[in-house]
Amino acid sequence: MNNHGYDDGLAELMYKFAEYKDTLPPDHPDVMKLVTKYQSFMNKNYYDNSLNDELFEALGRMYAGDDFAPKIDVFGKGTAEYMSRAIEIYCSK
């Protein structure tokens, strides 16, 4: 599996988001579990446990923007927008 330049653990999560975008709505419980896992992974590996829900939501909004979307959509067109929406839903609960 090609990880598109991402850490293998992160790529695995991104591939799962890409898979879910074609099969599950962003508010599905399995997607919410994936978002939880993603936030935990990002906290542990990139944010030194400082990625609270407020910052996570802001990061998610950035995913749908021009700087992030092309890098995320290498996993499948629309993955960035899907992740952004799923993170927004997760953080609003």
PDB file of N, CA and C in Angstrom:
ATOM      1  N   MET A   1       0.849  -1.181   0.000  1.00  0.00           N
ATOM      2  CA  MET A   1       0.000   0.000   0.000  1.00  0.00           C
ATOM      3  C   MET A   1       0.896   1.246   0.000  1.00  0.00           C
ATOM      4  N   ASN A   2       0.611   2.169  -0.881  1.00  0.00           N
ATOM      5  CA  ASN A   2       1.355   3.416  -0.967  1.00  0.00           C
ATOM      6  C   ASN A   2       0.845   4.373   0.108  1.00  0.00           C
ATOM      7  N   ASN A   3       1.765   4.909   0.892  1.00  0.00           N
ATOM      8  CA  ASN A   3       1.314   5.797   1.973  1.00  0.00           C
ATOM      9  C   ASN A   3       1.343   7.267   1.583  1.00  0.00           C
ATOM     10  N   HIS A   4       1.631   7.591   0.341  1.00  0.00           N
ATOM     11  CA  HIS A   4       1.589   8.959  -0.184  1.00  0.00           C
ATOM     12  C   HIS A   4       2.451   9.925   0.633  1.00  0.00           C
ATOM     13  N   GLY A   5       3.526   9.426   1.193  1.00  0.00           N
ATOM     14  CA  GLY A   5       4.426  10.268   1.968  1.00  0.00           C
ATOM     15  C   GLY A   5       4.013  10.452   3.418  1.00  0.00           C
ATOM     16  N   TYR A   6       2.955   9.807   3.838  1.00  0.00           N
ATOM     17  CA  TYR A   6       2.483   9.893   5.219  1.00  0.00           C
ATOM     18  C   TYR A   6       3.091   8.774   6.053  1.00  0.00           C
ATOM     19  N   ASP A   7       3.251   9.039   7.339  1.00  0.00           N
ATOM     20  CA  ASP A   7       3.597   8.007   8.309  1.00  0.00           C
ATOM     21  C   ASP A   7       2.602   6.862   8.145  1.00  0.00           C
ATOM     22  N   ASP A   8       3.071   5.622   8.265  1.00  0.00           N
ATOM     23  CA  ASP A   8       2.200   4.469   8.036  1.00  0.00           C
ATOM     24  C   ASP A   8       0.946   4.481   8.908  1.00  0.00           C
ATOM     25  N   GLY A   9       1.083   4.839  10.175  1.00  0.00           N
ATOM     26  CA  GLY A   9      -0.077   4.876  11.064  1.00  0.00           C
ATOM     27  C   GLY A   9      -1.081   5.928  10.632  1.00  0.00           C
ATOM     28  N   LEU A  10      -0.580   7.076  10.226  1.00  0.00           N
ATOM     29  CA  LEU A  10      -1.456   8.149   9.764  1.00  0.00           C
ATOM     30  C   LEU A  10      -2.094   7.764   8.432  1.00  0.00           C
ATOM     31  N   ALA A  11      -1.320   7.183   7.541  1.00  0.00           N
ATOM     32  CA  ALA A  11      -1.856   6.765   6.244  1.00  0.00           C
ATOM     33  C   ALA A  11      -2.980   5.748   6.427  1.00  0.00           C
ATOM     34  N   GLU A  12      -2.822   4.851   7.372  1.00  0.00           N
ATOM     35  CA  GLU A  12      -3.857   3.845   7.637  1.00  0.00           C
ATOM     36  C   GLU A  12      -5.182   4.520   8.010  1.00  0.00           C
ATOM     37  N   LEU A  13      -5.107   5.537   8.850  1.00  0.00           N
ATOM     38  CA  LEU A  13      -6.310   6.270   9.241  1.00  0.00           C
ATOM     39  C   LEU A  13      -6.913   7.016   8.058  1.00  0.00           C
ATOM     40  N   MET A  14      -6.067   7.623   7.236  1.00  0.00           N
ATOM     41  CA  MET A  14      -6.546   8.369   6.077  1.00  0.00           C
ATOM     42  C   MET A  14      -7.240   7.447   5.073  1.00  0.00           C
ATOM     43  N   TYR A  15      -6.651   6.280   4.859  1.00  0.00           N
ATOM     44  CA  TYR A  15      -7.286   5.314   3.961  1.00  0.00           C
ATOM     45  C   TYR A  15      -8.657   4.903   4.483  1.00  0.00           C
ATOM     46  N   LYS A  16      -8.783   4.796   5.792  1.00  0.00           N
ATOM     47  CA  LYS A  16     -10.065   4.412   6.388  1.00  0.00           C
ATOM     48  C   LYS A  16     -11.097   5.522   6.177  1.00  0.00           C
ATOM     49  N   PHE A  17     -10.693   6.779   6.343  1.00  0.00           N
ATOM     50  CA  PHE A  17     -11.608   7.891   6.054  1.00  0.00           C
ATOM     51  C   PHE A  17     -12.046   7.841   4.594  1.00  0.00           C
ATOM     52  N   ALA A  18     -11.100   7.587   3.698  1.00  0.00           N
ATOM     53  CA  ALA A  18     -11.419   7.513   2.267  1.00  0.00           C
ATOM     54  C   ALA A  18     -12.401   6.379   1.987  1.00  0.00           C
ATOM     55  N   GLU A  19     -12.223   5.277   2.663  1.00  0.00           N
ATOM     56  CA  GLU A  19     -13.140   4.141   2.505  1.00  0.00           C
ATOM     57  C   GLU A  19     -14.533   4.498   3.029  1.00  0.00           C
ATOM     58  N   TYR A  20     -14.581   5.099   4.200  1.00  0.00           N
ATOM     59  CA  TYR A  20     -15.861   5.447   4.805  1.00  0.00           C
ATOM     60  C   TYR A  20     -16.623   6.489   3.992  1.00  0.00           C
ATOM     61  N   LYS A  21     -15.925   7.414   3.351  1.00  0.00           N
ATOM     62  CA  LYS A  21     -16.619   8.484   2.630  1.00  0.00           C
ATOM     63  C   LYS A  21     -17.530   7.940   1.542  1.00  0.00           C
ATOM     64  N   ASP A  22     -17.188   6.763   1.047  1.00  0.00           N
ATOM     65  CA  ASP A  22     -17.990   6.147  -0.010  1.00  0.00           C
ATOM     66  C   ASP A  22     -19.082   5.225   0.523  1.00  0.00           C
ATOM     67  N   THR A  23     -19.089   4.994   1.833  1.00  0.00           N
ATOM     68  CA  THR A  23     -20.036   4.011   2.371  1.00  0.00           C
ATOM     69  C   THR A  23     -20.848   4.491   3.572  1.00  0.00           C
ATOM     70  N   LEU A  24     -20.356   5.484   4.316  1.00  0.00           N
ATOM     71  CA  LEU A  24     -21.030   5.906   5.553  1.00  0.00           C
ATOM     72  C   LEU A  24     -21.179   7.423   5.603  1.00  0.00           C
ATOM     73  N   PRO A  25     -22.283   7.920   6.156  1.00  0.00           N
ATOM     74  CA  PRO A  25     -22.405   9.359   6.357  1.00  0.00           C
ATOM     75  C   PRO A  25     -21.403   9.815   7.425  1.00  0.00           C
ATOM     76  N   PRO A  26     -20.979  11.073   7.382  1.00  0.00           N
ATOM     77  CA  PRO A  26     -19.949  11.532   8.322  1.00  0.00           C
ATOM     78  C   PRO A  26     -20.350  11.495   9.791  1.00  0.00           C
ATOM     79  N   ASP A  27     -21.642  11.370  10.078  1.00  0.00           N
ATOM     80  CA  ASP A  27     -22.078  11.316  11.478  1.00  0.00           C
ATOM     81  C   ASP A  27     -22.307   9.884  11.972  1.00  0.00           C
ATOM     82  N   HIS A  28     -21.974   8.913  11.168  1.00  0.00           N
ATOM     83  CA  HIS A  28     -22.151   7.503  11.542  1.00  0.00           C
ATOM     84  C   HIS A  28     -21.277   7.175  12.758  1.00  0.00           C
ATOM     85  N   PRO A  29     -21.762   6.337  13.674  1.00  0.00           N
ATOM     86  CA  PRO A  29     -20.966   5.987  14.864  1.00  0.00           C
ATOM     87  C   PRO A  29     -19.576   5.417  14.544  1.00  0.00           C
ATOM     88  N   ASP A  30     -19.445   4.641  13.480  1.00  0.00           N
ATOM     89  CA  ASP A  30     -18.122   4.117  13.122  1.00  0.00           C
ATOM     90  C   ASP A  30     -17.176   5.230  12.688  1.00  0.00           C
ATOM     91  N   VAL A  31     -17.723   6.235  12.032  1.00  0.00           N
ATOM     92  CA  VAL A  31     -16.906   7.386  11.628  1.00  0.00           C
ATOM     93  C   VAL A  31     -16.498   8.187  12.858  1.00  0.00           C
ATOM     94  N   MET A  32     -17.422   8.340  13.799  1.00  0.00           N
ATOM     95  CA  MET A  32     -17.096   9.070  15.022  1.00  0.00           C
ATOM     96  C   MET A  32     -15.994   8.349  15.802  1.00  0.00           C
ATOM     97  N   LYS A  33     -16.006   7.026  15.798  1.00  0.00           N
ATOM     98  CA  LYS A  33     -14.931   6.260  16.438  1.00  0.00           C
ATOM     99  C   LYS A  33     -13.608   6.496  15.726  1.00  0.00           C
ATOM    100  N   LEU A  34     -13.663   6.574  14.404  1.00  0.00           N
ATOM    101  CA  LEU A  34     -12.450   6.833  13.632  1.00  0.00           C
ATOM    102  C   LEU A  34     -11.914   8.233  13.917  1.00  0.00           C
ATOM    103  N   VAL A  35     -12.799   9.202  14.033  1.00  0.00           N
ATOM    104  CA  VAL A  35     -12.383  10.571  14.360  1.00  0.00           C
ATOM    105  C   VAL A  35     -11.713  10.585  15.734  1.00  0.00           C
ATOM    106  N   THR A  36     -12.278   9.876  16.697  1.00  0.00           N
ATOM    107  CA  THR A  36     -11.679   9.773  18.026  1.00  0.00           C
ATOM    108  C   THR A  36     -10.268   9.185  17.941  1.00  0.00           C
ATOM    109  N   LYS A  37     -10.147   8.129  17.176  1.00  0.00           N
ATOM    110  CA  LYS A  37      -8.844   7.479  16.991  1.00  0.00           C
ATOM    111  C   LYS A  37      -7.864   8.424  16.301  1.00  0.00           C
ATOM    112  N   TYR A  38      -8.350   9.160  15.320  1.00  0.00           N
ATOM    113  CA  TYR A  38      -7.507  10.111  14.587  1.00  0.00           C
ATOM    114  C   TYR A  38      -7.021  11.229  15.514  1.00  0.00           C
ATOM    115  N   GLN A  39      -7.929  11.791  16.313  1.00  0.00           N
ATOM    116  CA  GLN A  39      -7.539  12.851  17.239  1.00  0.00           C
ATOM    117  C   GLN A  39      -6.491  12.328  18.226  1.00  0.00           C
ATOM    118  N   SER A  40      -6.703  11.141  18.733  1.00  0.00           N
ATOM    119  CA  SER A  40      -5.753  10.541  19.664  1.00  0.00           C
ATOM    120  C   SER A  40      -4.387  10.341  19.005  1.00  0.00           C
ATOM    121  N   PHE A  41      -4.385   9.839  17.778  1.00  0.00           N
ATOM    122  CA  PHE A  41      -3.132   9.637  17.047  1.00  0.00           C
ATOM    123  C   PHE A  41      -2.408  10.967  16.842  1.00  0.00           C
ATOM    124  N   MET A  42      -3.143  11.976  16.420  1.00  0.00           N
ATOM    125  CA  MET A  42      -2.537  13.292  16.175  1.00  0.00           C
ATOM    126  C   MET A  42      -1.996  13.880  17.477  1.00  0.00           C
ATOM    127  N   ASN A  43      -2.754  13.733  18.560  1.00  0.00           N
ATOM    128  CA  ASN A  43      -2.310  14.230  19.856  1.00  0.00           C
ATOM    129  C   ASN A  43      -1.010  13.561  20.283  1.00  0.00           C
ATOM    130  N   LYS A  44      -0.960  12.268  20.155  1.00  0.00           N
ATOM    131  CA  LYS A  44       0.207  11.502  20.596  1.00  0.00           C
ATOM    132  C   LYS A  44       1.442  11.764  19.733  1.00  0.00           C
ATOM    133  N   ASN A  45       1.245  11.873  18.441  1.00  0.00           N
ATOM    134  CA  ASN A  45       2.373  11.912  17.515  1.00  0.00           C
ATOM    135  C   ASN A  45       2.765  13.293  17.009  1.00  0.00           C
ATOM    136  N   TYR A  46       1.862  14.268  17.075  1.00  0.00           N
ATOM    137  CA  TYR A  46       2.153  15.570  16.479  1.00  0.00           C
ATOM    138  C   TYR A  46       1.868  16.769  17.373  1.00  0.00           C
ATOM    139  N   TYR A  47       0.988  16.622  18.358  1.00  0.00           N
ATOM    140  CA  TYR A  47       0.547  17.785  19.129  1.00  0.00           C
ATOM    141  C   TYR A  47       0.843  17.705  20.618  1.00  0.00           C
ATOM    142  N   ASP A  48       1.617  16.746  21.034  1.00  0.00           N
ATOM    143  CA  ASP A  48       2.019  16.642  22.439  1.00  0.00           C
ATOM    144  C   ASP A  48       0.822  16.805  23.384  1.00  0.00           C
ATOM    145  N   ASN A  49      -0.274  16.147  23.015  1.00  0.00           N
ATOM    146  CA  ASN A  49      -1.509  16.150  23.811  1.00  0.00           C
ATOM    147  C   ASN A  49      -2.136  17.529  24.004  1.00  0.00           C
ATOM    148  N   SER A  50      -1.885  18.441  23.069  1.00  0.00           N
ATOM    149  CA  SER A  50      -2.478  19.776  23.175  1.00  0.00           C
ATOM    150  C   SER A  50      -3.623  19.988  22.191  1.00  0.00           C
ATOM    151  N   LEU A  51      -3.992  18.961  21.439  1.00  0.00           N
ATOM    152  CA  LEU A  51      -5.040  19.095  20.429  1.00  0.00           C
ATOM    153  C   LEU A  51      -6.409  18.853  21.061  1.00  0.00           C
ATOM    154  N   ASN A  52      -6.913  19.903  21.736  1.00  0.00           N
ATOM    155  CA  ASN A  52      -8.240  19.800  22.336  1.00  0.00           C
ATOM    156  C   ASN A  52      -9.295  19.912  21.237  1.00  0.00           C
ATOM    157  N   ASP A  53     -10.564  19.762  21.603  1.00  0.00           N
ATOM    158  CA  ASP A  53     -11.632  19.756  20.599  1.00  0.00           C
ATOM    159  C   ASP A  53     -11.717  21.073  19.828  1.00  0.00           C
ATOM    160  N   GLU A  54     -11.474  22.184  20.485  1.00  0.00           N
ATOM    161  CA  GLU A  54     -11.541  23.488  19.815  1.00  0.00           C
ATOM    162  C   GLU A  54     -10.471  23.590  18.726  1.00  0.00           C
ATOM    163  N   LEU A  55      -9.251  23.216  19.044  1.00  0.00           N
ATOM    164  CA  LEU A  55      -8.181  23.249  18.052  1.00  0.00           C
ATOM    165  C   LEU A  55      -8.389  22.190  16.975  1.00  0.00           C
ATOM    166  N   PHE A  56      -8.891  21.042  17.381  1.00  0.00           N
ATOM    167  CA  PHE A  56      -9.153  19.957  16.445  1.00  0.00           C
ATOM    168  C   PHE A  56     -10.208  20.382  15.421  1.00  0.00           C
ATOM    169  N   GLU A  57     -11.236  21.058  15.883  1.00  0.00           N
ATOM    170  CA  GLU A  57     -12.271  21.538  14.965  1.00  0.00           C
ATOM    171  C   GLU A  57     -11.693  22.545  13.972  1.00  0.00           C
ATOM    172  N   ALA A  58     -10.846  23.449  14.457  1.00  0.00           N
ATOM    173  CA  ALA A  58     -10.216  24.423  13.566  1.00  0.00           C
ATOM    174  C   ALA A  58      -9.323  23.713  12.535  1.00  0.00           C
ATOM    175  N   LEU A  59      -8.589  22.724  12.988  1.00  0.00           N
ATOM    176  CA  LEU A  59      -7.745  21.945  12.081  1.00  0.00           C
ATOM    177  C   LEU A  59      -8.614  21.255  11.031  1.00  0.00           C
ATOM    178  N   GLY A  60      -9.713  20.688  11.462  1.00  0.00           N
ATOM    179  CA  GLY A  60     -10.625  20.023  10.535  1.00  0.00           C
ATOM    180  C   GLY A  60     -11.154  20.965   9.471  1.00  0.00           C
ATOM    181  N   ARG A  61     -11.471  22.187   9.859  1.00  0.00           N
ATOM    182  CA  ARG A  61     -11.933  23.181   8.876  1.00  0.00           C
ATOM    183  C   ARG A  61     -10.840  23.462   7.847  1.00  0.00           C
ATOM    184  N   MET A  62      -9.610  23.481   8.295  1.00  0.00           N
ATOM    185  CA  MET A  62      -8.488  23.737   7.390  1.00  0.00           C
ATOM    186  C   MET A  62      -8.328  22.608   6.372  1.00  0.00           C
ATOM    187  N   TYR A  63      -8.707  21.407   6.733  1.00  0.00           N
ATOM    188  CA  TYR A  63      -8.545  20.264   5.832  1.00  0.00           C
ATOM    189  C   TYR A  63      -9.277  20.463   4.513  1.00  0.00           C
ATOM    190  N   ALA A  64     -10.411  21.146   4.544  1.00  0.00           N
ATOM    191  CA  ALA A  64     -11.195  21.355   3.328  1.00  0.00           C
ATOM    192  C   ALA A  64     -10.659  22.516   2.492  1.00  0.00           C
ATOM    193  N   GLY A  65      -9.669  23.236   3.004  1.00  0.00           N
ATOM    194  CA  GLY A  65      -9.112  24.388   2.294  1.00  0.00           C
ATOM    195  C   GLY A  65      -8.075  24.004   1.251  1.00  0.00           C
ATOM    196  N   ASP A  66      -7.676  24.985   0.486  1.00  0.00           N
ATOM    197  CA  ASP A  66      -6.758  24.774  -0.640  1.00  0.00           C
ATOM    198  C   ASP A  66      -5.386  24.245  -0.240  1.00  0.00           C
ATOM    199  N   ASP A  67      -4.928  24.540   0.965  1.00  0.00           N
ATOM    200  CA  ASP A  67      -3.597  24.085   1.381  1.00  0.00           C
ATOM    201  C   ASP A  67      -3.574  22.603   1.750  1.00  0.00           C
ATOM    202  N   PHE A  68      -4.612  22.127   2.384  1.00  0.00           N
ATOM    203  CA  PHE A  68      -4.636  20.744   2.879  1.00  0.00           C
ATOM    204  C   PHE A  68      -5.341  19.767   1.948  1.00  0.00           C
ATOM    205  N   ALA A  69      -6.438  20.185   1.341  1.00  0.00           N
ATOM    206  CA  ALA A  69      -7.275  19.256   0.578  1.00  0.00           C
ATOM    207  C   ALA A  69      -6.502  18.459  -0.478  1.00  0.00           C
ATOM    208  N   PRO A  70      -5.643  19.078  -1.282  1.00  0.00           N
ATOM    209  CA  PRO A  70      -4.939  18.276  -2.284  1.00  0.00           C
ATOM    210  C   PRO A  70      -4.042  17.198  -1.671  1.00  0.00           C
ATOM    211  N   LYS A  71      -3.498  17.471  -0.517  1.00  0.00           N
ATOM    212  CA  LYS A  71      -2.622  16.495   0.142  1.00  0.00           C
ATOM    213  C   LYS A  71      -3.424  15.348   0.752  1.00  0.00           C
ATOM    214  N   ILE A  72      -4.624  15.637   1.208  1.00  0.00           N
ATOM    215  CA  ILE A  72      -5.481  14.612   1.811  1.00  0.00           C
ATOM    216  C   ILE A  72      -6.219  13.824   0.727  1.00  0.00           C
ATOM    217  N   ASP A  73      -6.615  14.509  -0.317  1.00  0.00           N
ATOM    218  CA  ASP A  73      -7.385  13.855  -1.370  1.00  0.00           C
ATOM    219  C   ASP A  73      -6.572  12.876  -2.209  1.00  0.00           C
ATOM    220  N   VAL A  74      -5.269  12.739  -1.931  1.00  0.00           N
ATOM    221  CA  VAL A  74      -4.501  11.677  -2.599  1.00  0.00           C
ATOM    222  C   VAL A  74      -5.024  10.304  -2.168  1.00  0.00           C
ATOM    223  N   PHE A  75      -5.736  10.262  -1.060  1.00  0.00           N
ATOM    224  CA  PHE A  75      -6.323   9.005  -0.578  1.00  0.00           C
ATOM    225  C   PHE A  75      -7.665   8.723  -1.251  1.00  0.00           C
ATOM    226  N   GLY A  76      -8.201   9.703  -1.925  1.00  0.00           N
ATOM    227  CA  GLY A  76      -9.477   9.590  -2.629  1.00  0.00           C
ATOM    228  C   GLY A  76     -10.131  10.949  -2.698  1.00  0.00           C
ATOM    229  N   LYS A  77     -10.573  11.322  -3.874  1.00  0.00           N
ATOM    230  CA  LYS A  77     -11.198  12.631  -4.050  1.00  0.00           C
ATOM    231  C   LYS A  77     -12.371  12.775  -3.083  1.00  0.00           C
ATOM    232  N   GLY A  78     -12.383  13.894  -2.357  1.00  0.00           N
ATOM    233  CA  GLY A  78     -13.443  14.171  -1.399  1.00  0.00           C
ATOM    234  C   GLY A  78     -13.121  13.764   0.028  1.00  0.00           C
ATOM    235  N   THR A  79     -11.977  13.115   0.229  1.00  0.00           N
ATOM    236  CA  THR A  79     -11.620  12.677   1.583  1.00  0.00           C
ATOM    237  C   THR A  79     -11.437  13.864   2.519  1.00  0.00           C
ATOM    238  N   ALA A  80     -10.813  14.921   2.051  1.00  0.00           N
ATOM    239  CA  ALA A  80     -10.569  16.097   2.901  1.00  0.00           C
ATOM    240  C   ALA A  80     -11.879  16.719   3.373  1.00  0.00           C
ATOM    241  N   GLU A  81     -12.814  16.898   2.466  1.00  0.00           N
ATOM    242  CA  GLU A  81     -14.107  17.479   2.824  1.00  0.00           C
ATOM    243  C   GLU A  81     -14.864  16.569   3.789  1.00  0.00           C
ATOM    244  N   TYR A  82     -14.798  15.283   3.540  1.00  0.00           N
ATOM    245  CA  TYR A  82     -15.454  14.300   4.411  1.00  0.00           C
ATOM    246  C   TYR A  82     -14.854  14.342   5.813  1.00  0.00           C
ATOM    247  N   MET A  83     -13.538  14.342   5.903  1.00  0.00           N
ATOM    248  CA  MET A  83     -12.881  14.422   7.216  1.00  0.00           C
ATOM    249  C   MET A  83     -13.253  15.711   7.925  1.00  0.00           C
ATOM    250  N   SER A  84     -13.243  16.803   7.191  1.00  0.00           N
ATOM    251  CA  SER A  84     -13.581  18.096   7.771  1.00  0.00           C
ATOM    252  C   SER A  84     -14.976  18.069   8.374  1.00  0.00           C
ATOM    253  N   ARG A  85     -15.924  17.515   7.636  1.00  0.00           N
ATOM    254  CA  ARG A  85     -17.305  17.439   8.123  1.00  0.00           C
ATOM    255  C   ARG A  85     -17.418  16.504   9.324  1.00  0.00           C
ATOM    256  N   ALA A  86     -16.762  15.349   9.256  1.00  0.00           N
ATOM    257  CA  ALA A  86     -16.806  14.391  10.365  1.00  0.00           C
ATOM    258  C   ALA A  86     -16.208  14.993  11.642  1.00  0.00           C
ATOM    259  N   ILE A  87     -15.110  15.710  11.515  1.00  0.00           N
ATOM    260  CA  ILE A  87     -14.475  16.351  12.673  1.00  0.00           C
ATOM    261  C   ILE A  87     -15.386  17.439  13.234  1.00  0.00           C
ATOM    262  N   GLU A  88     -16.018  18.197  12.359  1.00  0.00           N
ATOM    263  CA  GLU A  88     -16.957  19.229  12.809  1.00  0.00           C
ATOM    264  C   GLU A  88     -18.095  18.609  13.606  1.00  0.00           C
ATOM    265  N   ILE A  89     -18.661  17.522  13.116  1.00  0.00           N
ATOM    266  CA  ILE A  89     -19.749  16.836  13.812  1.00  0.00           C
ATOM    267  C   ILE A  89     -19.264  16.318  15.165  1.00  0.00           C
ATOM    268  N   TYR A  90     -18.121  15.670  15.165  1.00  0.00           N
ATOM    269  CA  TYR A  90     -17.542  15.110  16.393  1.00  0.00           C
ATOM    270  C   TYR A  90     -17.337  16.200  17.448  1.00  0.00           C
ATOM    271  N   CYS A  91     -16.794  17.317  17.046  1.00  0.00           N
ATOM    272  CA  CYS A  91     -16.474  18.389  18.004  1.00  0.00           C
ATOM    273  C   CYS A  91     -17.724  19.143  18.469  1.00  0.00           C
ATOM    274  N   SER A  92     -18.812  19.030  17.736  1.00  0.00           N
ATOM    275  CA  SER A  92     -20.039  19.719  18.144  1.00  0.00           C
ATOM    276  C   SER A  92     -20.849  18.920  19.163  1.00  0.00           C
ATOM    277  N   LYS A  93     -20.422  17.675  19.422  1.00  0.00           N
ATOM    278  CA  LYS A  93     -21.166  16.827  20.364  1.00  0.00           C
ATOM    279  C   LYS A  93     -20.648  16.983  21.769  1.00  0.00           C
TER     280      LYS A  93
END
